[in-house]
């Protein structure tokens, strides 16, 4: 099982662009993605949600919160879309 964890603000490729790039690539689209950010501003979170980022963690979080979120994500059923 794979899981991508990315900070929203990174110097070369920000987390939103990384997520969007993954969504446009059929080989990467199904990989679970967690956005991490220090900003708990509702508008910032809503911007990510508009791009369909489903999992978001606000810094600072502890290992227990991270572990719970990772297990929650990894235990979700995988949706497979087959093309003809």
Protein backbone atom coordinates (compact mmCIF):
# COMPACT_ATOMS: atom_id res chain seq x y z
CA UNK A 1 0.00 0.00 0.00
CA UNK A 2 1.26 3.47 -0.83
CA UNK A 3 0.50 6.80 0.82
CA UNK A 4 1.73 10.27 -0.18
CA UNK A 5 2.22 12.86 2.55
CA UNK A 6 3.05 16.35 1.34
CA UNK A 7 3.35 19.78 2.84
CA UNK A 8 1.11 22.36 1.23
CA UNK A 9 3.97 24.83 0.89
CA UNK A 10 7.16 23.38 -0.56
CA UNK A 11 9.80 25.36 -2.46
CA UNK A 12 9.80 23.69 -5.88
CA UNK A 13 6.43 21.96 -6.20
CA UNK A 14 3.75 22.87 -3.67
CA UNK A 15 1.44 20.20 -2.30
CA UNK A 16 -1.59 21.35 -4.28
CA UNK A 17 0.30 21.13 -7.58
CA UNK A 18 1.68 17.73 -6.59
CA UNK A 19 -1.81 16.49 -5.74
CA UNK A 20 -3.29 17.86 -8.95
CA UNK A 21 -0.50 16.28 -10.98
CA UNK A 22 -1.22 12.94 -9.35
CA UNK A 23 -4.93 13.26 -10.13
CA UNK A 24 -4.23 13.79 -13.82
CA UNK A 25 -2.01 10.68 -14.03
CA UNK A 26 -4.05 7.44 -14.16
CA UNK A 27 -1.17 5.48 -12.60
CA UNK A 28 -1.01 7.79 -9.55
CA UNK A 29 -4.63 8.91 -9.15
CA UNK A 30 -5.64 6.15 -6.73
CA UNK A 31 -2.78 6.69 -4.27
CA UNK A 32 -4.07 8.12 -0.97
CA UNK A 33 -2.80 11.66 -0.31
CA UNK A 34 -2.46 13.62 2.94
CA UNK A 35 -1.92 17.39 2.86
CA UNK A 36 -0.02 18.85 5.81
CA UNK A 37 -0.04 22.55 6.64
CA UNK A 38 0.60 24.93 9.52
CA UNK A 39 -2.25 27.22 8.47
CA UNK A 40 -5.61 26.30 10.00
CA UNK A 41 -7.39 29.04 8.08
CA UNK A 42 -10.74 27.69 6.84
CA UNK A 43 -10.24 29.29 3.41
CA UNK A 44 -6.91 27.50 2.95
CA UNK A 45 -8.46 24.15 3.84
CA UNK A 46 -11.48 24.82 1.60
CA UNK A 47 -9.16 25.61 -1.33
CA UNK A 48 -7.62 22.16 -0.97
CA UNK A 49 -11.05 20.56 -0.61
CA UNK A 50 -12.17 22.20 -3.87
CA UNK A 51 -9.38 20.25 -5.58
CA UNK A 52 -10.68 17.09 -3.84
CA UNK A 53 -7.95 16.80 -1.21
CA UNK A 54 -9.79 14.57 1.26
CA UNK A 55 -7.19 14.23 4.01
CA UNK A 56 -5.65 17.22 5.75
CA UNK A 57 -3.51 17.48 8.89
CA UNK A 58 -2.74 20.76 10.66
CA UNK A 59 0.71 21.10 12.25
CA UNK A 60 1.57 20.53 14.95
CA UNK A 61 0.23 17.05 15.48
CA UNK A 62 1.67 14.20 17.47
CA UNK A 63 2.53 10.64 16.48
CA UNK A 64 -0.78 9.30 17.78
CA UNK A 65 -2.82 11.68 15.62
CA UNK A 66 -0.66 10.88 12.59
CA UNK A 67 -0.92 7.14 13.21
CA UNK A 68 -4.70 7.34 13.57
CA UNK A 69 -5.04 9.32 10.33
CA UNK A 70 -2.72 6.99 8.40
CA UNK A 71 -4.62 3.91 9.56
CA UNK A 72 -7.95 5.56 8.73
CA UNK A 73 -6.77 6.27 5.20
CA UNK A 74 -5.03 2.96 4.54
CA UNK A 75 -7.96 0.90 5.78
CA UNK A 76 -10.43 2.53 3.39
CA UNK A 77 -11.57 0.37 0.50
CA UNK A 78 -9.67 0.99 -2.71
CA UNK A 79 -11.71 2.10 -5.69
CA UNK A 80 -10.46 0.63 -8.94
CA UNK A 81 -11.61 2.12 -12.21
CA UNK A 82 -11.06 -0.08 -15.22
CA UNK A 83 -11.01 1.43 -18.67
CA UNK A 84 -12.07 -0.43 -21.78
